[in-house]
Structures are given as C-alpha cells and as structure tokens.
Amino acid sequence: SFYSYEVRTNDNVRLLMEGTIFWRIQDVRKMLNMTSDPEADVWFKSRSVLIGSISEVDLATFMVSFNTIVLNAFDNSKNSAFWSDRGIRMISIELNNYRPVDLRTAATLQSMIRGTVQRINDLQKQRSSNDVMKEKLEADIMLESNQTLLIEQQAVNAIIV
C-alpha cells in the first residue's frame, strides 16, 4: 500500500510524508471476521503509529534521524494484537519522501540547506587554501635549510682555501 500522511512534529511543523507499507494476509478467516477493508485498517493504523512517533520529536531531530524514527515506530507496532486479530502480518514500512506543508517553512528549510551547503563549500575552500599554504611553508623551510647548508659549506671551503 502507498501512503501519504500529514503529520506534525512536536514543534508544530506540518509535514507531508509519502511512503510504502508492505503487509500480507496470514489468516483469511480472521480477516473476514474482523474487517471488510483490511487495506483501510492498515492505512489508518500505520498513520496513527507514525503520527504518534513523529509528534514526539522536533523537526531538527526528525530531519537527522527520520529513518530510525519510522523504523522504530514500525517495529514497536508490528507485533500488536491489532494485526494478529485481523490475520494480517506487517512486513515493513518505508518513508520515500517528506516535505513541509507550509510554504514559509519550506522556504526556511531551503535557506537552512543553502546555508549548510555554503558552509561546507567554504570549509573545503579553506582546507584547500591551508593545504597550499602548508606546501609553500614546507618548501620555504626546505629552501632555507638548503641555503644554510650552502653557506656553511662555503664557509668550510673558504677556510680550506
């Protein structure tokens, strides 16, 4: 089943999440006795589990560890009596995409991403510059050492002559 849910983080950021739920029917008799629409049951229960898990974290935490949050939510619910009572076995859930619902939040996040990328680029430029300066400094030290050796050798030669 494919899903598209709107969820809120605990700092009240609305996100649209899209993904896939993998499940299968294990016991047709139980399923028929408990529900006439197993796909809707899977959809609503999965939605509830994800909303519950995501609402416990802020946006920054979600962005850093969204995969872990989704997998933990799934692992905590897959052995629930809800599924076994319906003769359903949950296999996995995948988060394929998420994005902010609010355009202002999306613009803020894009700005944050651009700022992060700019900092990374600046750090790489600085490292490159530092590497060039280091090589130049090492070459200057080597040149000074060679000049010192030359002067010392010239002094020894002047004494011998």
Protein backbone atom coordinates (compact mmCIF):
# COMPACT_ATOMS: atom_id res chain seq x y z
CA SER A 1 0.00 0.00 0.00
CA PHE A 2 1.15 3.52 -0.69
CA TYR A 3 0.55 6.20 1.87
CA SER A 4 0.53 9.95 2.07
CA TYR A 5 0.03 11.34 5.58
CA GLU A 6 0.16 14.80 7.03
CA VAL A 7 1.90 14.78 10.41
CA ARG A 8 3.12 17.38 12.92
CA THR A 9 6.36 17.39 14.82
CA ASN A 10 6.29 18.39 18.48
CA ASP A 11 7.40 21.91 17.49
CA ASN A 12 4.22 22.09 15.36
CA VAL A 13 5.79 21.80 11.89
CA ARG A 14 3.40 20.15 9.45
CA LEU A 15 5.00 17.59 7.14
CA LEU A 16 3.58 15.58 4.27
CA MET A 17 5.04 12.08 4.35
CA GLU A 18 4.86 9.62 1.49
CA GLY A 19 5.90 6.01 1.51
CA THR A 20 5.01 2.37 1.16
CA ILE A 21 3.60 -0.17 3.59
CA PHE A 22 4.28 -3.84 2.96
CA TRP A 23 1.84 -6.29 4.55
CA ARG A 24 0.12 -9.55 3.80
CA ILE A 25 -2.87 -11.56 4.85
CA GLN A 26 -1.94 -14.52 7.05
CA ASP A 27 -5.36 -15.74 8.12
CA VAL A 28 -8.23 -15.04 5.74
CA ARG A 29 -10.88 -16.24 8.20
CA LYS A 30 -9.72 -13.82 10.94
CA MET A 31 -9.52 -11.01 8.43
CA LEU A 32 -13.05 -11.59 7.15
CA ASN A 33 -14.43 -11.81 10.70
CA MET A 34 -12.72 -8.57 11.85
CA THR A 35 -12.81 -6.23 8.87
CA SER A 36 -14.31 -5.71 5.48
CA ASP A 37 -11.50 -3.36 4.44
CA PRO A 38 -8.08 -4.59 5.57
CA GLU A 39 -6.27 -2.07 3.39
CA ALA A 40 -8.00 0.82 5.18
CA ASP A 41 -7.21 -0.78 8.56
CA VAL A 42 -3.53 -0.98 7.60
CA TRP A 43 -3.59 2.58 6.31
CA PHE A 44 -5.25 4.10 9.40
CA LYS A 45 -3.29 2.09 11.98
CA SER A 46 0.03 2.86 10.25
CA ARG A 47 -0.94 6.52 10.08
CA SER A 48 -1.73 6.53 13.78
CA VAL A 49 1.58 4.87 14.66
CA LEU A 50 3.61 7.30 12.53
CA ILE A 51 1.77 10.38 13.78
CA GLY A 52 2.36 9.22 17.36
CA SER A 53 6.08 8.70 16.82
CA ILE A 54 6.76 11.85 14.82
CA SER A 55 4.76 14.05 17.18
CA GLU A 56 7.25 13.16 19.94
CA VAL A 57 10.25 14.74 18.17
CA ASP A 58 11.05 18.20 16.87
CA LEU A 59 11.80 18.95 13.23
CA ALA A 60 15.58 19.05 13.70
CA THR A 61 15.57 15.60 15.31
CA PHE A 62 13.24 14.26 12.65
CA MET A 63 15.45 15.53 9.83
CA VAL A 64 18.54 13.92 11.33
CA SER A 65 17.00 10.55 12.18
CA PHE A 66 13.73 10.16 10.26
CA ASN A 67 14.57 6.65 9.08
CA THR A 68 15.24 5.44 12.63
CA ILE A 69 12.05 7.09 13.91
CA VAL A 70 9.92 5.43 11.22
CA LEU A 71 11.57 2.01 11.64
CA ASN A 72 11.24 2.13 15.44
CA ALA A 73 7.57 3.07 15.14
CA PHE A 74 7.02 0.15 12.80
CA ASP A 75 8.99 -2.31 14.96
CA ASN A 76 7.05 -1.28 18.06
CA SER A 77 3.69 -1.86 16.38
CA LYS A 78 4.21 -4.80 14.05
CA ASN A 79 3.59 -7.41 16.75
CA SER A 80 0.49 -5.66 18.04
CA ALA A 81 -2.68 -7.68 18.64
CA PHE A 82 -4.34 -5.26 16.21
CA TRP A 83 -2.61 -7.03 13.32
CA SER A 84 -2.88 -10.61 14.56
CA ASP A 85 -6.59 -10.15 15.41
CA ARG A 86 -7.15 -9.25 11.77
CA GLY A 87 -4.98 -12.05 10.39
CA ILE A 88 -2.57 -9.51 8.94
CA ARG A 89 1.22 -9.57 9.09
CA MET A 90 3.13 -6.33 8.76
CA ILE A 91 6.32 -6.75 6.76
CA SER A 92 7.83 -3.27 6.58
CA ILE A 93 7.18 0.42 6.11
CA GLU A 94 9.28 2.78 4.03
CA LEU A 95 9.41 6.55 4.01
CA ASN A 96 10.09 7.65 0.43
CA ASN A 97 9.62 11.39 0.77
CA TYR A 98 8.73 14.10 3.23
CA ARG A 99 8.27 17.82 2.80
CA PRO A 100 6.86 20.71 4.79
CA VAL A 101 3.23 21.57 4.08
CA ASP A 102 3.67 25.25 4.91
CA LEU A 103 5.43 27.22 2.14
CA ARG A 104 7.13 29.53 4.64
CA THR A 105 8.58 26.52 6.48
CA ALA A 106 9.73 25.05 3.17
CA ALA A 107 11.46 28.33 2.28
CA THR A 108 13.13 28.43 5.71
CA LEU A 109 14.36 24.85 5.32
CA GLN A 110 15.68 25.59 1.83
CA SER A 111 17.51 28.60 3.25
CA MET A 112 18.99 26.43 6.01
CA ILE A 113 20.10 23.83 3.46
CA ARG A 114 21.68 26.51 1.26
CA GLY A 115 23.49 27.92 4.31
CA THR A 116 24.78 24.47 5.26
CA VAL A 117 25.97 23.80 1.71
CA GLN A 118 27.68 27.21 1.63
CA ARG A 119 29.48 26.46 4.93
CA ILE A 120 30.64 23.10 3.59
CA ASN A 121 31.92 24.75 0.41
CA ASP A 122 33.68 27.46 2.43
CA LEU A 123 35.33 24.81 4.63
CA GLN A 124 36.54 22.93 1.57
CA LYS A 125 37.97 26.14 0.09
CA GLN A 126 39.69 26.91 3.40
CA ARG A 127 41.17 23.40 3.59
CA SER A 128 42.45 23.77 0.03
CA SER A 129 43.98 27.13 0.85
CA ASN A 130 45.52 25.69 4.03
CA ASP A 131 47.00 22.77 2.06
CA VAL A 132 48.56 25.17 -0.47
CA MET A 133 49.99 27.36 2.33
CA LYS A 134 51.33 24.27 4.12
CA GLU A 135 53.11 23.07 0.98
CA LYS A 136 54.57 26.54 0.39
CA LEU A 137 55.75 26.74 4.02
CA GLU A 138 57.37 23.30 3.77
CA ALA A 139 59.09 24.36 0.52
CA ASP A 140 60.30 27.60 2.15
CA ILE A 141 61.70 25.63 5.12
CA MET A 142 63.46 23.24 2.75
CA LEU A 143 64.89 26.20 0.79
CA GLU A 144 66.14 27.87 3.98
CA SER A 145 67.74 24.58 5.11
CA ASN A 146 69.48 24.23 1.76
CA GLN A 147 70.66 27.84 1.90
CA THR A 148 72.01 27.28 5.42
CA LEU A 149 73.87 24.19 4.22
CA LEU A 150 75.23 26.14 1.25
CA ILE A 151 76.51 28.97 3.48
CA GLU A 152 78.07 26.50 5.92
CA GLN A 153 79.74 24.63 3.06
CA GLN A 154 81.01 27.90 1.55
CA ALA A 155 82.46 28.85 4.97
CA VAL A 156 84.22 25.46 5.23
CA ASN A 157 85.56 25.86 1.69
CA ALA A 158 86.81 29.40 2.47
CA ILE A 159 88.75 28.08 5.48
CA ILE A 160 90.30 25.28 3.42
CA VAL A 161 91.43 27.59 0.63
